[in-house]
Amino acid sequence: MRTLILAIEFFALLTDLIQLGESPHVVYKDGSYERIALTDSTQMEVYNGADTILVVLTACAPQCSSCARVYNKEGQLIAIPQSPTPSIFPLATIENGRIVWKDNDNWEY
């Protein structure tokens, strides 16, 4: 049931963006990794690993902030990684199949 709710929330987000005139599109793809521009200031990174799917959503307005999620192959949420250091605007990306937390001051969007 939780998987269905997450899928509905994700598709609702995409529907809302399209209704606002945005057109989500893949801006970078390399094997199991994709970066998708949802809007001019919002991106989603997805890494489809052997056992898990990593998802990082980053929004900039004007400061950038990210949230990260780890799902199993059935689409069930299994972890919500947090920044190892306290931050008002945590920032993450996916590098080499791992979620990496970054310093928000050095972020290039």
N, C-alpha and C. Protein backbone atom coordinates (compact mmCIF):
# COMPACT_ATOMS: atom_id res chain seq x y z
N MET A 1 0.83 -1.18 0.00
CA MET A 1 0.00 0.00 0.00
C MET A 1 0.88 1.25 0.00
N ARG A 2 1.95 1.25 0.80
CA ARG A 2 2.85 2.41 0.87
C ARG A 2 3.48 2.68 -0.49
N THR A 3 3.82 1.61 -1.23
CA THR A 3 4.40 1.77 -2.56
C THR A 3 3.43 2.48 -3.48
N LEU A 4 2.18 2.11 -3.42
CA LEU A 4 1.16 2.74 -4.24
C LEU A 4 1.03 4.22 -3.90
N ILE A 5 1.07 4.54 -2.63
CA ILE A 5 0.96 5.94 -2.19
C ILE A 5 2.15 6.74 -2.71
N LEU A 6 3.38 6.18 -2.62
CA LEU A 6 4.56 6.87 -3.11
C LEU A 6 4.49 7.09 -4.62
N ALA A 7 4.03 6.07 -5.34
CA ALA A 7 3.90 6.19 -6.79
C ALA A 7 2.88 7.27 -7.15
N ILE A 8 1.77 7.31 -6.43
CA ILE A 8 0.74 8.33 -6.68
C ILE A 8 1.29 9.72 -6.40
N GLU A 9 2.04 9.87 -5.28
CA GLU A 9 2.63 11.17 -4.94
C GLU A 9 3.61 11.62 -6.02
N PHE A 10 4.43 10.69 -6.52
CA PHE A 10 5.41 11.03 -7.55
C PHE A 10 4.71 11.47 -8.84
N PHE A 11 3.72 10.70 -9.26
CA PHE A 11 3.01 11.05 -10.49
C PHE A 11 2.19 12.32 -10.32
N ALA A 12 1.70 12.59 -9.13
CA ALA A 12 0.99 13.84 -8.87
C ALA A 12 1.96 15.02 -9.01
N LEU A 13 3.19 14.86 -8.52
CA LEU A 13 4.21 15.90 -8.68
C LEU A 13 4.47 16.17 -10.15
N LEU A 14 4.67 15.12 -10.94
CA LEU A 14 4.93 15.30 -12.36
C LEU A 14 3.74 15.95 -13.06
N THR A 15 2.54 15.53 -12.71
CA THR A 15 1.33 16.11 -13.30
C THR A 15 1.23 17.59 -12.98
N ASP A 16 1.51 17.96 -11.73
CA ASP A 16 1.49 19.37 -11.33
C ASP A 16 2.50 20.18 -12.12
N LEU A 17 3.71 19.63 -12.29
CA LEU A 17 4.75 20.35 -13.03
C LEU A 17 4.34 20.55 -14.49
N ILE A 18 3.77 19.52 -15.10
CA ILE A 18 3.34 19.63 -16.49
C ILE A 18 2.22 20.66 -16.63
N GLN A 19 1.30 20.69 -15.67
CA GLN A 19 0.21 21.65 -15.72
C GLN A 19 0.73 23.08 -15.56
N LEU A 20 1.85 23.25 -14.89
CA LEU A 20 2.45 24.57 -14.73
C LEU A 20 3.28 24.96 -15.95
N GLY A 21 3.30 24.10 -16.95
CA GLY A 21 4.02 24.41 -18.17
C GLY A 21 5.41 23.82 -18.22
N GLU A 22 5.80 23.09 -17.21
CA GLU A 22 7.12 22.48 -17.20
C GLU A 22 7.06 21.14 -17.95
N SER A 23 8.18 20.75 -18.48
CA SER A 23 8.27 19.50 -19.20
C SER A 23 9.49 18.74 -18.69
N PRO A 24 9.29 17.84 -17.70
CA PRO A 24 10.43 17.09 -17.17
C PRO A 24 11.15 16.35 -18.30
N HIS A 25 12.48 16.37 -18.26
CA HIS A 25 13.24 15.68 -19.29
C HIS A 25 14.58 15.21 -18.73
N VAL A 26 15.09 14.14 -19.31
CA VAL A 26 16.38 13.59 -18.90
C VAL A 26 17.47 14.50 -19.47
N VAL A 27 18.33 15.01 -18.59
CA VAL A 27 19.42 15.88 -19.04
C VAL A 27 20.76 15.14 -19.08
N TYR A 28 20.83 14.01 -18.37
CA TYR A 28 22.06 13.23 -18.37
C TYR A 28 21.73 11.78 -18.07
N LYS A 29 22.31 10.87 -18.82
CA LYS A 29 22.11 9.44 -18.57
C LYS A 29 23.42 8.73 -18.80
N ASP A 30 23.81 7.91 -17.84
CA ASP A 30 25.03 7.13 -17.96
C ASP A 30 24.78 5.78 -17.28
N GLY A 31 24.49 4.77 -18.05
CA GLY A 31 24.22 3.44 -17.50
C GLY A 31 23.00 3.46 -16.61
N SER A 32 23.19 3.17 -15.33
CA SER A 32 22.09 3.08 -14.36
C SER A 32 21.73 4.41 -13.73
N TYR A 33 22.45 5.48 -14.11
CA TYR A 33 22.24 6.79 -13.51
C TYR A 33 21.51 7.72 -14.48
N GLU A 34 20.53 8.48 -13.96
CA GLU A 34 19.84 9.49 -14.75
C GLU A 34 19.66 10.75 -13.91
N ARG A 35 19.82 11.90 -14.56
CA ARG A 35 19.48 13.18 -13.94
C ARG A 35 18.34 13.77 -14.76
N ILE A 36 17.25 14.09 -14.08
CA ILE A 36 16.04 14.55 -14.74
C ILE A 36 15.75 15.97 -14.27
N ALA A 37 15.62 16.90 -15.20
CA ALA A 37 15.23 18.27 -14.87
C ALA A 37 13.71 18.29 -14.77
N LEU A 38 13.20 18.57 -13.57
CA LEU A 38 11.76 18.65 -13.38
C LEU A 38 11.25 20.06 -13.68
N THR A 39 12.03 21.06 -13.28
CA THR A 39 11.77 22.47 -13.59
C THR A 39 13.13 23.12 -13.78
N ASP A 40 13.14 24.44 -13.99
CA ASP A 40 14.41 25.15 -14.13
C ASP A 40 15.23 25.09 -12.85
N SER A 41 14.58 24.93 -11.71
CA SER A 41 15.30 24.96 -10.43
C SER A 41 15.14 23.67 -9.62
N THR A 42 14.64 22.63 -10.24
CA THR A 42 14.42 21.36 -9.53
C THR A 42 14.92 20.20 -10.38
N GLN A 43 15.70 19.33 -9.76
CA GLN A 43 16.17 18.15 -10.48
C GLN A 43 16.03 16.90 -9.63
N MET A 44 15.93 15.77 -10.30
CA MET A 44 15.87 14.49 -9.62
C MET A 44 16.97 13.62 -10.20
N GLU A 45 17.71 12.96 -9.31
CA GLU A 45 18.72 12.00 -9.73
C GLU A 45 18.24 10.61 -9.33
N VAL A 46 18.43 9.65 -10.22
CA VAL A 46 18.00 8.28 -9.96
C VAL A 46 19.14 7.34 -10.32
N TYR A 47 19.45 6.43 -9.40
CA TYR A 47 20.44 5.39 -9.68
C TYR A 47 19.78 4.04 -9.44
N ASN A 48 19.69 3.24 -10.48
CA ASN A 48 19.06 1.94 -10.42
C ASN A 48 20.15 0.89 -10.19
N GLY A 49 20.41 0.57 -8.90
CA GLY A 49 21.46 -0.37 -8.54
C GLY A 49 20.99 -1.81 -8.62
N ALA A 50 21.86 -2.72 -8.21
CA ALA A 50 21.55 -4.15 -8.27
C ALA A 50 20.38 -4.50 -7.35
N ASP A 51 20.36 -3.97 -6.14
CA ASP A 51 19.32 -4.31 -5.17
C ASP A 51 18.43 -3.14 -4.79
N THR A 52 18.89 -1.93 -5.05
CA THR A 52 18.16 -0.75 -4.59
C THR A 52 18.08 0.32 -5.67
N ILE A 53 17.18 1.25 -5.46
CA ILE A 53 17.06 2.42 -6.32
C ILE A 53 17.27 3.63 -5.44
N LEU A 54 18.26 4.44 -5.79
CA LEU A 54 18.56 5.66 -5.04
C LEU A 54 17.90 6.84 -5.75
N VAL A 55 17.26 7.71 -4.98
CA VAL A 55 16.61 8.89 -5.55
C VAL A 55 17.01 10.10 -4.72
N VAL A 56 17.47 11.15 -5.40
CA VAL A 56 17.78 12.42 -4.75
C VAL A 56 17.00 13.50 -5.49
N LEU A 57 16.22 14.27 -4.74
CA LEU A 57 15.47 15.39 -5.29
C LEU A 57 16.09 16.67 -4.74
N THR A 58 16.50 17.57 -5.64
CA THR A 58 17.13 18.83 -5.24
C THR A 58 16.34 19.99 -5.81
N ALA A 59 16.04 20.95 -4.94
CA ALA A 59 15.33 22.16 -5.35
C ALA A 59 16.16 23.37 -4.94
N CYS A 60 16.19 24.38 -5.80
CA CYS A 60 16.94 25.60 -5.52
C CYS A 60 15.99 26.79 -5.62
N ALA A 61 15.93 27.57 -4.54
CA ALA A 61 15.01 28.71 -4.54
C ALA A 61 15.34 29.73 -3.47
N PRO A 62 16.34 30.49 -3.48
CA PRO A 62 17.55 30.39 -4.30
C PRO A 62 18.57 29.42 -3.71
N GLN A 63 18.53 29.13 -2.40
CA GLN A 63 19.44 28.16 -1.80
C GLN A 63 19.00 26.75 -2.19
N CYS A 64 19.95 25.88 -2.46
CA CYS A 64 19.62 24.51 -2.85
C CYS A 64 19.50 23.62 -1.63
N SER A 65 18.60 22.66 -1.71
CA SER A 65 18.40 21.69 -0.64
C SER A 65 17.93 20.38 -1.26
N SER A 66 18.34 19.27 -0.66
CA SER A 66 18.02 17.95 -1.21
C SER A 66 17.34 17.07 -0.18
N CYS A 67 16.60 16.11 -0.69
CA CYS A 67 16.13 15.00 0.13
C CYS A 67 16.49 13.73 -0.63
N ALA A 68 16.79 12.69 0.11
CA ALA A 68 17.23 11.43 -0.50
C ALA A 68 16.34 10.30 -0.01
N ARG A 69 16.14 9.32 -0.87
CA ARG A 69 15.35 8.14 -0.54
C ARG A 69 16.01 6.92 -1.16
N VAL A 70 15.88 5.78 -0.48
CA VAL A 70 16.37 4.50 -1.01
C VAL A 70 15.17 3.56 -1.05
N TYR A 71 14.95 2.96 -2.21
CA TYR A 71 13.84 2.03 -2.41
C TYR A 71 14.38 0.66 -2.78
N ASN A 72 13.63 -0.40 -2.46
CA ASN A 72 14.00 -1.71 -2.96
C ASN A 72 13.44 -1.86 -4.37
N LYS A 73 13.72 -2.98 -5.04
CA LYS A 73 13.29 -3.17 -6.42
C LYS A 73 11.77 -3.25 -6.57
N GLU A 74 11.07 -3.50 -5.48
CA GLU A 74 9.61 -3.53 -5.52
C GLU A 74 9.01 -2.14 -5.32
N GLY A 75 9.87 -1.13 -5.13
CA GLY A 75 9.41 0.24 -4.96
C GLY A 75 9.06 0.62 -3.54
N GLN A 76 9.41 -0.24 -2.57
CA GLN A 76 9.14 0.07 -1.16
C GLN A 76 10.27 0.93 -0.59
N LEU A 77 9.89 1.97 0.12
CA LEU A 77 10.87 2.84 0.78
C LEU A 77 11.57 2.04 1.87
N ILE A 78 12.91 2.00 1.81
CA ILE A 78 13.65 1.25 2.83
C ILE A 78 14.57 2.13 3.67
N ALA A 79 14.86 3.35 3.19
CA ALA A 79 15.73 4.24 3.98
C ALA A 79 15.55 5.68 3.53
N ILE A 80 15.73 6.58 4.51
CA ILE A 80 15.74 8.01 4.24
C ILE A 80 17.07 8.54 4.77
N PRO A 81 18.11 8.54 3.92
CA PRO A 81 19.42 8.99 4.37
C PRO A 81 19.39 10.46 4.78
N GLN A 82 20.14 10.78 5.80
CA GLN A 82 20.26 12.14 6.30
C GLN A 82 21.70 12.61 6.18
N SER A 83 21.89 13.90 6.06
CA SER A 83 23.22 14.47 6.01
C SER A 83 23.97 14.13 7.30
N PRO A 84 25.24 13.74 7.20
CA PRO A 84 26.00 13.40 8.40
C PRO A 84 26.29 14.61 9.29
N THR A 85 26.18 15.81 8.73
CA THR A 85 26.37 17.01 9.53
C THR A 85 25.07 17.81 9.53
N PRO A 86 24.71 18.37 10.67
CA PRO A 86 23.47 19.15 10.72
C PRO A 86 23.50 20.31 9.72
N SER A 87 22.39 20.49 9.02
CA SER A 87 22.33 21.55 8.02
C SER A 87 20.88 21.99 7.84
N ILE A 88 20.70 23.30 7.70
CA ILE A 88 19.37 23.81 7.40
C ILE A 88 18.99 23.44 5.98
N PHE A 89 19.94 23.48 5.06
CA PHE A 89 19.73 23.13 3.67
C PHE A 89 20.66 21.98 3.29
N PRO A 90 20.31 20.74 3.64
CA PRO A 90 21.18 19.63 3.28
C PRO A 90 21.22 19.46 1.76
N LEU A 91 22.35 19.09 1.24
CA LEU A 91 22.53 18.98 -0.19
C LEU A 91 23.18 17.65 -0.53
N ALA A 92 22.58 16.92 -1.46
CA ALA A 92 23.09 15.60 -1.81
C ALA A 92 23.14 15.44 -3.33
N THR A 93 23.92 14.47 -3.75
CA THR A 93 23.97 14.05 -5.15
C THR A 93 24.30 12.56 -5.16
N ILE A 94 24.21 11.95 -6.31
CA ILE A 94 24.58 10.53 -6.44
C ILE A 94 25.87 10.47 -7.24
N GLU A 95 26.87 9.82 -6.65
CA GLU A 95 28.16 9.64 -7.31
C GLU A 95 28.56 8.18 -7.19
N ASN A 96 28.85 7.55 -8.31
CA ASN A 96 29.28 6.16 -8.35
C ASN A 96 28.33 5.24 -7.58
N GLY A 97 27.03 5.47 -7.73
CA GLY A 97 26.04 4.61 -7.10
C GLY A 97 25.86 4.80 -5.61
N ARG A 98 26.32 5.94 -5.08
CA ARG A 98 26.19 6.24 -3.65
C ARG A 98 25.66 7.66 -3.47
N ILE A 99 24.88 7.85 -2.42
CA ILE A 99 24.42 9.18 -2.07
C ILE A 99 25.54 9.88 -1.33
N VAL A 100 25.93 11.05 -1.84
CA VAL A 100 27.03 11.83 -1.28
C VAL A 100 26.47 13.18 -0.85
N TRP A 101 26.73 13.55 0.39
CA TRP A 101 26.28 14.84 0.91
C TRP A 101 27.35 15.87 0.62
N LYS A 102 26.93 17.04 0.16
CA LYS A 102 27.85 18.10 -0.27
C LYS A 102 27.73 19.32 0.61
N ASP A 103 28.73 20.17 0.51
CA ASP A 103 28.73 21.47 1.15
C ASP A 103 27.91 22.41 0.27
N ASN A 104 26.85 22.97 0.81
CA ASN A 104 25.95 23.81 0.04
C ASN A 104 26.64 25.05 -0.52
N ASP A 105 27.71 25.50 0.09
CA ASP A 105 28.40 26.70 -0.37
C ASP A 105 29.14 26.47 -1.68
N ASN A 106 29.47 25.21 -2.00
CA ASN A 106 30.25 24.92 -3.20
C ASN A 106 29.43 24.21 -4.27
N TRP A 107 28.12 24.29 -4.20
CA TRP A 107 27.25 23.57 -5.13
C TRP A 107 27.16 24.31 -6.46
N GLU A 108 27.28 23.58 -7.55
CA GLU A 108 27.06 24.13 -8.88
C GLU A 108 25.87 23.44 -9.47
N TYR A 109 24.80 24.20 -9.70
CA TYR A 109 23.58 23.60 -10.22
C TYR A 109 23.52 23.72 -11.71
